[in-house]
Amino acid sequence: MPRVSVSARRSAGFSLDDAARIRQMILSGKPSECPQCGFPLEATVGEAPVGKGDGGVWLVRCHGCGRNLVMQQPKP
């Protein structure tokens, strides 16, 4: 089997507390800032894979520190 190269992760990711704060910011409709570096967060909406729940998912990115978060959208 060929060896697969995996790039090193630039950051440790968001903590669970950070993820909860980000979710609340997005749900409130307020501009979201990264809890780690203060850079504006970019949220992209996508579809959940078939059989992986209802609705879509959010991909939340910080281009300042490189952290990312994937969250399920709340049900209406």
PDB file of N, CA and C in Angstrom:
ATOM      1  N   MET A   1       0.848  -1.175   0.000  1.00  0.00           N
ATOM      2  CA  MET A   1       0.000   0.000   0.000  1.00  0.00           C
ATOM      3  C   MET A   1       0.897   1.243   0.000  1.00  0.00           C
ATOM      4  N   PRO A   2       0.607   2.229  -0.864  1.00  0.00           N
ATOM      5  CA  PRO A   2       1.438   3.430  -0.912  1.00  0.00           C
ATOM      6  C   PRO A   2       1.283   4.267   0.355  1.00  0.00           C
ATOM      7  N   ARG A   3       2.333   4.931   0.720  1.00  0.00           N
ATOM      8  CA  ARG A   3       2.333   5.792   1.894  1.00  0.00           C
ATOM      9  C   ARG A   3       1.621   7.108   1.563  1.00  0.00           C
ATOM     10  N   VAL A   4       0.755   7.559   2.447  1.00  0.00           N
ATOM     11  CA  VAL A   4      -0.004   8.789   2.242  1.00  0.00           C
ATOM     12  C   VAL A   4       0.584   9.875   3.125  1.00  0.00           C
ATOM     13  N   SER A   5       0.852  11.001   2.525  1.00  0.00           N
ATOM     14  CA  SER A   5       1.394  12.133   3.272  1.00  0.00           C
ATOM     15  C   SER A   5       0.254  12.999   3.802  1.00  0.00           C
ATOM     16  N   VAL A   6       0.302  13.318   5.073  1.00  0.00           N
ATOM     17  CA  VAL A   6      -0.707  14.167   5.700  1.00  0.00           C
ATOM     18  C   VAL A   6      -0.011  15.417   6.211  1.00  0.00           C
ATOM     19  N   SER A   7      -0.548  16.578   5.824  1.00  0.00           N
ATOM     20  CA  SER A   7       0.074  17.821   6.276  1.00  0.00           C
ATOM     21  C   SER A   7      -0.219  18.052   7.754  1.00  0.00           C
ATOM     22  N   ALA A   8       0.689  18.717   8.406  1.00  0.00           N
ATOM     23  CA  ALA A   8       0.537  19.017   9.826  1.00  0.00           C
ATOM     24  C   ALA A   8      -0.566  20.053  10.023  1.00  0.00           C
ATOM     25  N   ARG A   9      -1.303  19.905  11.080  1.00  0.00           N
ATOM     26  CA  ARG A   9      -2.357  20.848  11.402  1.00  0.00           C
ATOM     27  C   ARG A   9      -1.738  22.130  11.937  1.00  0.00           C
ATOM     28  N   ARG A  10      -2.246  23.274  11.490  1.00  0.00           N
ATOM     29  CA  ARG A  10      -1.677  24.559  11.911  1.00  0.00           C
ATOM     30  C   ARG A  10      -2.105  24.963  13.309  1.00  0.00           C
ATOM     31  N   SER A  11      -3.255  24.486  13.760  1.00  0.00           N
ATOM     32  CA  SER A  11      -3.743  24.886  15.073  1.00  0.00           C
ATOM     33  C   SER A  11      -4.414  23.708  15.758  1.00  0.00           C
ATOM     34  N   ALA A  12      -4.719  23.904  17.031  1.00  0.00           N
ATOM     35  CA  ALA A  12      -5.322  22.841  17.822  1.00  0.00           C
ATOM     36  C   ALA A  12      -6.833  22.752  17.629  1.00  0.00           C
ATOM     37  N   GLY A  13      -7.433  23.694  16.924  1.00  0.00           N
ATOM     38  CA  GLY A  13      -8.885  23.709  16.751  1.00  0.00           C
ATOM     39  C   GLY A  13      -9.557  24.472  17.883  1.00  0.00           C
ATOM     40  N   PHE A  14     -10.868  24.584  17.799  1.00  0.00           N
ATOM     41  CA  PHE A  14     -11.637  25.294  18.821  1.00  0.00           C
ATOM     42  C   PHE A  14     -11.961  24.368  19.978  1.00  0.00           C
ATOM     43  N   SER A  15     -12.002  24.926  21.179  1.00  0.00           N
ATOM     44  CA  SER A  15     -12.433  24.156  22.348  1.00  0.00           C
ATOM     45  C   SER A  15     -13.953  24.016  22.292  1.00  0.00           C
ATOM     46  N   LEU A  16     -14.506  23.154  23.133  1.00  0.00           N
ATOM     47  CA  LEU A  16     -15.962  23.002  23.187  1.00  0.00           C
ATOM     48  C   LEU A  16     -16.635  24.294  23.638  1.00  0.00           C
ATOM     49  N   ASP A  17     -16.010  25.021  24.565  1.00  0.00           N
ATOM     50  CA  ASP A  17     -16.554  26.308  25.006  1.00  0.00           C
ATOM     51  C   ASP A  17     -16.557  27.314  23.856  1.00  0.00           C
ATOM     52  N   ASP A  18     -15.468  27.350  23.083  1.00  0.00           N
ATOM     53  CA  ASP A  18     -15.401  28.233  21.919  1.00  0.00           C
ATOM     54  C   ASP A  18     -16.486  27.877  20.911  1.00  0.00           C
ATOM     55  N   ALA A  19     -16.680  26.575  20.665  1.00  0.00           N
ATOM     56  CA  ALA A  19     -17.696  26.124  19.708  1.00  0.00           C
ATOM     57  C   ALA A  19     -19.089  26.569  20.151  1.00  0.00           C
ATOM     58  N   ALA A  20     -19.374  26.482  21.439  1.00  0.00           N
ATOM     59  CA  ALA A  20     -20.675  26.915  21.960  1.00  0.00           C
ATOM     60  C   ALA A  20     -20.854  28.422  21.780  1.00  0.00           C
ATOM     61  N   ARG A  21     -19.805  29.208  22.040  1.00  0.00           N
ATOM     62  CA  ARG A  21     -19.879  30.663  21.851  1.00  0.00           C
ATOM     63  C   ARG A  21     -20.097  31.018  20.383  1.00  0.00           C
ATOM     64  N   ILE A  22     -19.384  30.331  19.495  1.00  0.00           N
ATOM     65  CA  ILE A  22     -19.521  30.590  18.060  1.00  0.00           C
ATOM     66  C   ILE A  22     -20.941  30.268  17.611  1.00  0.00           C
ATOM     67  N   ARG A  23     -21.472  29.165  18.063  1.00  0.00           N
ATOM     68  CA  ARG A  23     -22.840  28.778  17.695  1.00  0.00           C
ATOM     69  C   ARG A  23     -23.837  29.845  18.136  1.00  0.00           C
ATOM     70  N   GLN A  24     -23.700  30.340  19.357  1.00  0.00           N
ATOM     71  CA  GLN A  24     -24.597  31.381  19.862  1.00  0.00           C
ATOM     72  C   GLN A  24     -24.469  32.670  19.049  1.00  0.00           C
ATOM     73  N   MET A  25     -23.242  33.049  18.670  1.00  0.00           N
ATOM     74  CA  MET A  25     -23.041  34.254  17.855  1.00  0.00           C
ATOM     75  C   MET A  25     -23.746  34.111  16.508  1.00  0.00           C
ATOM     76  N   ILE A  26     -23.612  32.942  15.885  1.00  0.00           N
ATOM     77  CA  ILE A  26     -24.222  32.714  14.575  1.00  0.00           C
ATOM     78  C   ILE A  26     -25.748  32.732  14.690  1.00  0.00           C
ATOM     79  N   LEU A  27     -26.299  32.069  15.705  1.00  0.00           N
ATOM     80  CA  LEU A  27     -27.745  32.027  15.883  1.00  0.00           C
ATOM     81  C   LEU A  27     -28.328  33.398  16.202  1.00  0.00           C
ATOM     82  N   SER A  28     -27.564  34.252  16.859  1.00  0.00           N
ATOM     83  CA  SER A  28     -28.059  35.591  17.211  1.00  0.00           C
ATOM     84  C   SER A  28     -28.024  36.550  16.022  1.00  0.00           C
ATOM     85  N   GLY A  29     -27.299  36.171  14.961  1.00  0.00           N
ATOM     86  CA  GLY A  29     -27.207  37.033  13.786  1.00  0.00           C
ATOM     87  C   GLY A  29     -26.171  38.140  13.910  1.00  0.00           C
ATOM     88  N   LYS A  30     -25.453  38.164  15.017  1.00  0.00           N
ATOM     89  CA  LYS A  30     -24.410  39.176  15.217  1.00  0.00           C
ATOM     90  C   LYS A  30     -23.155  38.790  14.438  1.00  0.00           C
ATOM     91  N   PRO A  31     -22.357  39.793  14.046  1.00  0.00           N
ATOM     92  CA  PRO A  31     -21.080  39.461  13.394  1.00  0.00           C
ATOM     93  C   PRO A  31     -20.240  38.589  14.325  1.00  0.00           C
ATOM     94  N   SER A  32     -19.670  37.554  13.776  1.00  0.00           N
ATOM     95  CA  SER A  32     -18.916  36.590  14.575  1.00  0.00           C
ATOM     96  C   SER A  32     -17.427  36.850  14.470  1.00  0.00           C
ATOM     97  N   GLU A  33     -16.766  36.862  15.622  1.00  0.00           N
ATOM     98  CA  GLU A  33     -15.311  37.003  15.679  1.00  0.00           C
ATOM     99  C   GLU A  33     -14.734  35.765  16.335  1.00  0.00           C
ATOM    100  N   CYS A  34     -13.554  35.390  15.901  1.00  0.00           N
ATOM    101  CA  CYS A  34     -12.868  34.239  16.468  1.00  0.00           C
ATOM    102  C   CYS A  34     -12.581  34.483  17.945  1.00  0.00           C
ATOM    103  N   PRO A  35     -12.984  33.560  18.823  1.00  0.00           N
ATOM    104  CA  PRO A  35     -12.710  33.730  20.248  1.00  0.00           C
ATOM    105  C   PRO A  35     -11.220  33.620  20.588  1.00  0.00           C
ATOM    106  N   GLN A  36     -10.416  33.102  19.665  1.00  0.00           N
ATOM    107  CA  GLN A  36      -8.984  32.954  19.920  1.00  0.00           C
ATOM    108  C   GLN A  36      -8.167  34.166  19.469  1.00  0.00           C
ATOM    109  N   CYS A  37      -8.486  34.691  18.259  1.00  0.00           N
ATOM    110  CA  CYS A  37      -7.641  35.765  17.724  1.00  0.00           C
ATOM    111  C   CYS A  37      -8.402  37.039  17.365  1.00  0.00           C
ATOM    112  N   GLY A  38      -9.745  37.016  17.408  1.00  0.00           N
ATOM    113  CA  GLY A  38     -10.535  38.206  17.121  1.00  0.00           C
ATOM    114  C   GLY A  38     -10.775  38.483  15.646  1.00  0.00           C
ATOM    115  N   PHE A  39     -10.274  37.641  14.772  1.00  0.00           N
ATOM    116  CA  PHE A  39     -10.446  37.808  13.330  1.00  0.00           C
ATOM    117  C   PHE A  39     -11.891  37.459  12.969  1.00  0.00           C
ATOM    118  N   PRO A  40     -12.498  38.132  11.980  1.00  0.00           N
ATOM    119  CA  PRO A  40     -13.869  37.784  11.593  1.00  0.00           C
ATOM    120  C   PRO A  40     -13.965  36.333  11.105  1.00  0.00           C
ATOM    121  N   LEU A  41     -15.026  35.646  11.519  1.00  0.00           N
ATOM    122  CA  LEU A  41     -15.247  34.264  11.104  1.00  0.00           C
ATOM    123  C   LEU A  41     -16.058  34.231   9.812  1.00  0.00           C
ATOM    124  N   GLU A  42     -15.774  33.243   8.987  1.00  0.00           N
ATOM    125  CA  GLU A  42     -16.513  33.021   7.747  1.00  0.00           C
ATOM    126  C   GLU A  42     -17.323  31.740   7.920  1.00  0.00           C
ATOM    127  N   ALA A  43     -18.650  31.850   7.785  1.00  0.00           N
ATOM    128  CA  ALA A  43     -19.521  30.677   7.911  1.00  0.00           C
ATOM    129  C   ALA A  43     -20.101  30.333   6.549  1.00  0.00           C
ATOM    130  N   THR A  44     -19.941  29.085   6.141  1.00  0.00           N
ATOM    131  CA  THR A  44     -20.459  28.590   4.878  1.00  0.00           C
ATOM    132  C   THR A  44     -21.476  27.499   5.185  1.00  0.00           C
ATOM    133  N   VAL A  45     -22.610  27.523   4.493  1.00  0.00           N
ATOM    134  CA  VAL A  45     -23.658  26.520   4.705  1.00  0.00           C
ATOM    135  C   VAL A  45     -23.541  25.452   3.637  1.00  0.00           C
ATOM    136  N   GLY A  46     -23.647  24.203   4.052  1.00  0.00           N
ATOM    137  CA  GLY A  46     -23.606  23.080   3.117  1.00  0.00           C
ATOM    138  C   GLY A  46     -24.665  22.060   3.471  1.00  0.00           C
ATOM    139  N   GLU A  47     -24.781  21.035   2.672  1.00  0.00           N
ATOM    140  CA  GLU A  47     -25.749  19.969   2.908  1.00  0.00           C
ATOM    141  C   GLU A  47     -25.096  18.821   3.672  1.00  0.00           C
ATOM    142  N   ALA A  48     -25.840  18.238   4.600  1.00  0.00           N
ATOM    143  CA  ALA A  48     -25.356  17.067   5.328  1.00  0.00           C
ATOM    144  C   ALA A  48     -25.404  15.862   4.392  1.00  0.00           C
ATOM    145  N   PRO A  49     -24.459  14.943   4.518  1.00  0.00           N
ATOM    146  CA  PRO A  49     -24.497  13.731   3.694  1.00  0.00           C
ATOM    147  C   PRO A  49     -25.784  12.946   3.931  1.00  0.00           C
ATOM    148  N   VAL A  50     -26.248  12.239   2.925  1.00  0.00           N
ATOM    149  CA  VAL A  50     -27.467  11.437   3.026  1.00  0.00           C
ATOM    150  C   VAL A  50     -27.325  10.454   4.187  1.00  0.00           C
ATOM    151  N   GLY A  51     -28.356  10.402   5.012  1.00  0.00           N
ATOM    152  CA  GLY A  51     -28.347   9.476   6.143  1.00  0.00           C
ATOM    153  C   GLY A  51     -27.614  10.008   7.357  1.00  0.00           C
ATOM    154  N   LYS A  52     -27.135  11.244   7.305  1.00  0.00           N
ATOM    155  CA  LYS A  52     -26.387  11.812   8.431  1.00  0.00           C
ATOM    156  C   LYS A  52     -27.179  12.912   9.125  1.00  0.00           C
ATOM    157  N   GLY A  53     -28.469  12.771   9.207  1.00  0.00           N
ATOM    158  CA  GLY A  53     -29.297  13.747   9.907  1.00  0.00           C
ATOM    159  C   GLY A  53     -30.047  14.642   8.944  1.00  0.00           C
ATOM    160  N   ASP A  54     -30.877  15.484   9.506  1.00  0.00           N
ATOM    161  CA  ASP A  54     -31.689  16.404   8.719  1.00  0.00           C
ATOM    162  C   ASP A  54     -30.948  17.712   8.505  1.00  0.00           C
ATOM    163  N   GLY A  55     -31.305  18.391   7.418  1.00  0.00           N
ATOM    164  CA  GLY A  55     -30.791  19.731   7.190  1.00  0.00           C
ATOM    165  C   GLY A  55     -29.348  19.761   6.742  1.00  0.00           C
ATOM    166  N   GLY A  56     -28.726  20.884   7.006  1.00  0.00           N
ATOM    167  CA  GLY A  56     -27.372  21.102   6.522  1.00  0.00           C
ATOM    168  C   GLY A  56     -26.368  21.266   7.644  1.00  0.00           C
ATOM    169  N   VAL A  57     -25.194  21.657   7.256  1.00  0.00           N
ATOM    170  CA  VAL A  57     -24.104  21.889   8.195  1.00  0.00           C
ATOM    171  C   VAL A  57     -23.484  23.253   7.920  1.00  0.00           C
ATOM    172  N   TRP A  58     -22.836  23.805   8.920  1.00  0.00           N
ATOM    173  CA  TRP A  58     -22.058  25.026   8.773  1.00  0.00           C
ATOM    174  C   TRP A  58     -20.591  24.655   8.827  1.00  0.00           C
ATOM    175  N   LEU A  59     -19.810  25.236   7.952  1.00  0.00           N
ATOM    176  CA  LEU A  59     -18.360  25.188   8.068  1.00  0.00           C
ATOM    177  C   LEU A  59     -17.953  26.593   8.470  1.00  0.00           C
ATOM    178  N   VAL A  60     -17.393  26.718   9.661  1.00  0.00           N
ATOM    179  CA  VAL A  60     -16.980  28.019  10.183  1.00  0.00           C
ATOM    180  C   VAL A  60     -15.462  28.054  10.165  1.00  0.00           C
ATOM    181  N   ARG A  61     -14.912  29.088   9.516  1.00  0.00           N
ATOM    182  CA  ARG A  61     -13.453  29.199   9.364  1.00  0.00           C
ATOM    183  C   ARG A  61     -12.939  30.515   9.912  1.00  0.00           C
ATOM    184  N   CYS A  62     -11.767  30.448  10.506  1.00  0.00           N
ATOM    185  CA  CYS A  62     -11.032  31.654  10.873  1.00  0.00           C
ATOM    186  C   CYS A  62      -9.783  31.689  10.006  1.00  0.00           C
ATOM    187  N   HIS A  63      -9.698  32.695   9.155  1.00  0.00           N
ATOM    188  CA  HIS A  63      -8.523  32.814   8.297  1.00  0.00           C
ATOM    189  C   HIS A  63      -7.357  33.474   9.035  1.00  0.00           C
ATOM    190  N   GLY A  64      -7.622  33.954  10.251  1.00  0.00           N
ATOM    191  CA  GLY A  64      -6.557  34.555  11.056  1.00  0.00           C
ATOM    192  C   GLY A  64      -5.661  33.512  11.702  1.00  0.00           C
ATOM    193  N   CYS A  65      -6.272  32.564  12.433  1.00  0.00           N
ATOM    194  CA  CYS A  65      -5.481  31.561  13.150  1.00  0.00           C
ATOM    195  C   CYS A  65      -5.584  30.167  12.536  1.00  0.00           C
ATOM    196  N   GLY A  66      -6.469  29.995  11.530  1.00  0.00           N
ATOM    197  CA  GLY A  66      -6.557  28.722  10.829  1.00  0.00           C
ATOM    198  C   GLY A  66      -7.463  27.684  11.469  1.00  0.00           C
ATOM    199  N   ARG A  67      -8.195  28.065  12.518  1.00  0.00           N
ATOM    200  CA  ARG A  67      -9.092  27.099  13.152  1.00  0.00           C
ATOM    201  C   ARG A  67     -10.358  26.933  12.310  1.00  0.00           C
ATOM    202  N   ASN A  68     -10.959  25.750  12.359  1.00  0.00           N
ATOM    203  CA  ASN A  68     -12.184  25.424  11.634  1.00  0.00           C
ATOM    204  C   ASN A  68     -13.128  24.677  12.556  1.00  0.00           C
ATOM    205  N   LEU A  69     -14.414  24.753  12.221  1.00  0.00           N
ATOM    206  CA  LEU A  69     -15.433  24.084  13.011  1.00  0.00           C
ATOM    207  C   LEU A  69     -16.567  23.676  12.074  1.00  0.00           C
ATOM    208  N   VAL A  70     -17.063  22.454  12.202  1.00  0.00           N
ATOM    209  CA  VAL A  70     -18.219  21.994  11.443  1.00  0.00           C
ATOM    210  C   VAL A  70     -19.332  21.733  12.440  1.00  0.00           C
ATOM    211  N   MET A  71     -20.500  22.356  12.205  1.00  0.00           N
ATOM    212  CA  MET A  71     -21.637  22.221  13.109  1.00  0.00           C
ATOM    213  C   MET A  71     -22.890  21.897  12.316  1.00  0.00           C
ATOM    214  N   GLN A  72     -23.792  21.135  12.901  1.00  0.00           N
ATOM    215  CA  GLN A  72     -25.084  20.872  12.276  1.00  0.00           C
ATOM    216  C   GLN A  72     -25.968  22.084  12.464  1.00  0.00           C
ATOM    217  N   GLN A  73     -26.709  22.457  11.406  1.00  0.00           N
ATOM    218  CA  GLN A  73     -27.651  23.566  11.507  1.00  0.00           C
ATOM    219  C   GLN A  73     -28.796  23.170  12.423  1.00  0.00           C
ATOM    220  N   PRO A  74     -29.305  24.128  13.212  1.00  0.00           N
ATOM    221  CA  PRO A  74     -30.455  23.806  14.051  1.00  0.00           C
ATOM    222  C   PRO A  74     -31.703  23.580  13.198  1.00  0.00           C
ATOM    223  N   LYS A  75     -32.602  22.744  13.673  1.00  0.00           N
ATOM    224  CA  LYS A  75     -33.861  22.500  12.959  1.00  0.00           C
ATOM    225  C   LYS A  75     -34.773  23.698  13.156  1.00  0.00           C
ATOM    226  N   PRO A  76     -35.487  24.121  12.098  1.00  0.00           N
ATOM    227  CA  PRO A  76     -36.392  25.283  12.222  1.00  0.00           C
ATOM    228  C   PRO A  76     -37.546  25.025  13.130  1.00  0.00           C
TER     229      PRO A  76
END
